[in-house]
Protein backbone atom coordinates (compact mmCIF):
# COMPACT_ATOMS: atom_id res chain seq x y z
CA UNK A 1 -48.06 -103.54 40.85
CA UNK A 2 -49.17 -106.55 42.86
CA UNK A 3 -45.96 -108.41 42.02
CA UNK A 4 -43.85 -105.39 43.07
CA UNK A 5 -45.59 -105.27 46.47
CA UNK A 6 -44.89 -108.97 47.01
CA UNK A 7 -41.20 -108.60 46.10
CA UNK A 8 -40.89 -105.49 48.26
CA UNK A 9 -42.50 -107.24 51.25
CA UNK A 10 -40.23 -110.28 50.77
CA UNK A 11 -37.15 -108.04 50.57
CA UNK A 12 -38.07 -106.25 53.81
CA UNK A 13 -38.54 -109.57 55.62
CA UNK A 14 -35.23 -110.87 54.25
CA UNK A 15 -33.33 -107.76 55.36
CA UNK A 16 -34.86 -107.80 58.85
CA UNK A 17 -34.32 -111.55 59.27
CA UNK A 18 -30.66 -111.28 58.29
CA UNK A 19 -30.15 -108.25 60.51
CA UNK A 20 -31.66 -109.89 63.61
CA UNK A 21 -30.41 -113.45 62.98
CA UNK A 22 -27.10 -113.20 64.83
CA UNK A 23 -28.17 -110.86 67.61
CA UNK A 24 -29.02 -113.64 70.11
CA UNK A 25 -25.90 -115.63 69.17
CA UNK A 26 -23.68 -112.61 69.78
CA UNK A 27 -25.20 -112.00 73.21
CA UNK A 28 -24.92 -115.68 74.14
CA UNK A 29 -21.26 -115.76 73.10
CA UNK A 30 -20.59 -112.67 75.20
CA UNK A 31 -22.40 -114.16 78.22
CA UNK A 32 -20.63 -117.53 77.98
CA UNK A 33 -17.16 -116.10 77.25
CA UNK A 34 -17.13 -112.57 78.70
CA UNK A 35 -13.44 -111.96 78.04
CA UNK A 36 -13.89 -112.03 74.25
CA UNK A 37 -13.36 -108.72 72.52
CA UNK A 38 -15.56 -107.29 69.80
CA UNK A 39 -12.99 -108.22 67.15
CA UNK A 40 -12.95 -111.88 68.18
CA UNK A 41 -16.72 -112.11 68.38
CA UNK A 42 -17.08 -110.56 64.94
CA UNK A 43 -14.50 -113.03 63.63
CA UNK A 44 -16.64 -115.90 64.97
CA UNK A 45 -19.72 -114.33 63.41
CA UNK A 46 -17.95 -114.04 60.05
CA UNK A 47 -17.01 -117.73 60.25
CA UNK A 48 -20.61 -118.70 61.10
CA UNK A 49 -21.80 -116.57 58.19
CA UNK A 50 -19.43 -118.21 55.75
CA UNK A 51 -20.53 -121.67 56.89
CA UNK A 52 -24.18 -120.73 56.31
CA UNK A 53 -23.49 -119.23 52.90
CA UNK A 54 -21.30 -122.16 51.77
CA UNK A 55 -23.94 -124.66 52.91
CA UNK A 56 -26.57 -122.72 50.95
CA UNK A 57 -24.36 -122.87 47.90
CA UNK A 58 -23.53 -126.58 48.24
CA UNK A 59 -27.13 -127.66 48.89
CA UNK A 60 -28.54 -125.32 46.23
CA UNK A 61 -30.87 -123.81 48.84
CA UNK A 62 -30.66 -120.06 48.39
CA UNK A 63 -27.75 -118.10 47.03
CA UNK A 64 -24.42 -116.76 48.24
CA UNK A 65 -25.14 -113.10 49.06
CA UNK A 66 -22.57 -110.70 50.42
CA UNK A 67 -25.35 -108.39 51.61
CA UNK A 68 -26.64 -111.18 53.90
CA UNK A 69 -23.19 -111.49 55.46
CA UNK A 70 -22.95 -107.73 55.96
CA UNK A 71 -26.43 -107.48 57.48
CA UNK A 72 -25.75 -110.32 59.92
CA UNK A 73 -22.40 -108.79 60.84
CA UNK A 74 -23.99 -105.37 61.40
CA UNK A 75 -26.72 -106.97 63.54
CA UNK A 76 -24.08 -108.74 65.62
CA UNK A 77 -22.16 -105.49 66.07
CA UNK A 78 -25.28 -103.60 67.17
CA UNK A 79 -26.26 -106.34 69.64
CA UNK A 80 -22.73 -106.34 71.08
CA UNK A 81 -22.91 -102.57 71.56
CA UNK A 82 -26.36 -102.71 73.18
CA UNK A 83 -25.39 -105.60 75.45
CA UNK A 84 -22.12 -103.94 76.50
CA UNK A 85 -23.90 -100.66 77.20
CA UNK A 86 -26.59 -102.42 79.21
CA UNK A 87 -23.98 -104.40 81.12
CA UNK A 88 -22.00 -101.28 82.06
CA UNK A 89 -25.08 -99.43 83.29
CA UNK A 90 -26.46 -102.40 85.22
CA UNK A 91 -23.32 -103.52 87.03
CA UNK A 92 -21.71 -100.21 88.00
């Protein structure tokens, strides 16, 4: 039971960390290059994700996980939506 709690707690932290990891990067990209569309930003995020996952594989630090890529991508998409919504309401 104790081991299950530890694994469960670690999994929650991993999911949250991957979800929130690319949120600031997405907002910074949108601030620095405002003309970029969601598709292009997500393409950049996918490239960053692949670099991270390939480096993990090559350095034997961690493992190549598709769920990490999807969580980071979803976090980037959510942050783009929140930032765009905030921007529209603030500057109208």
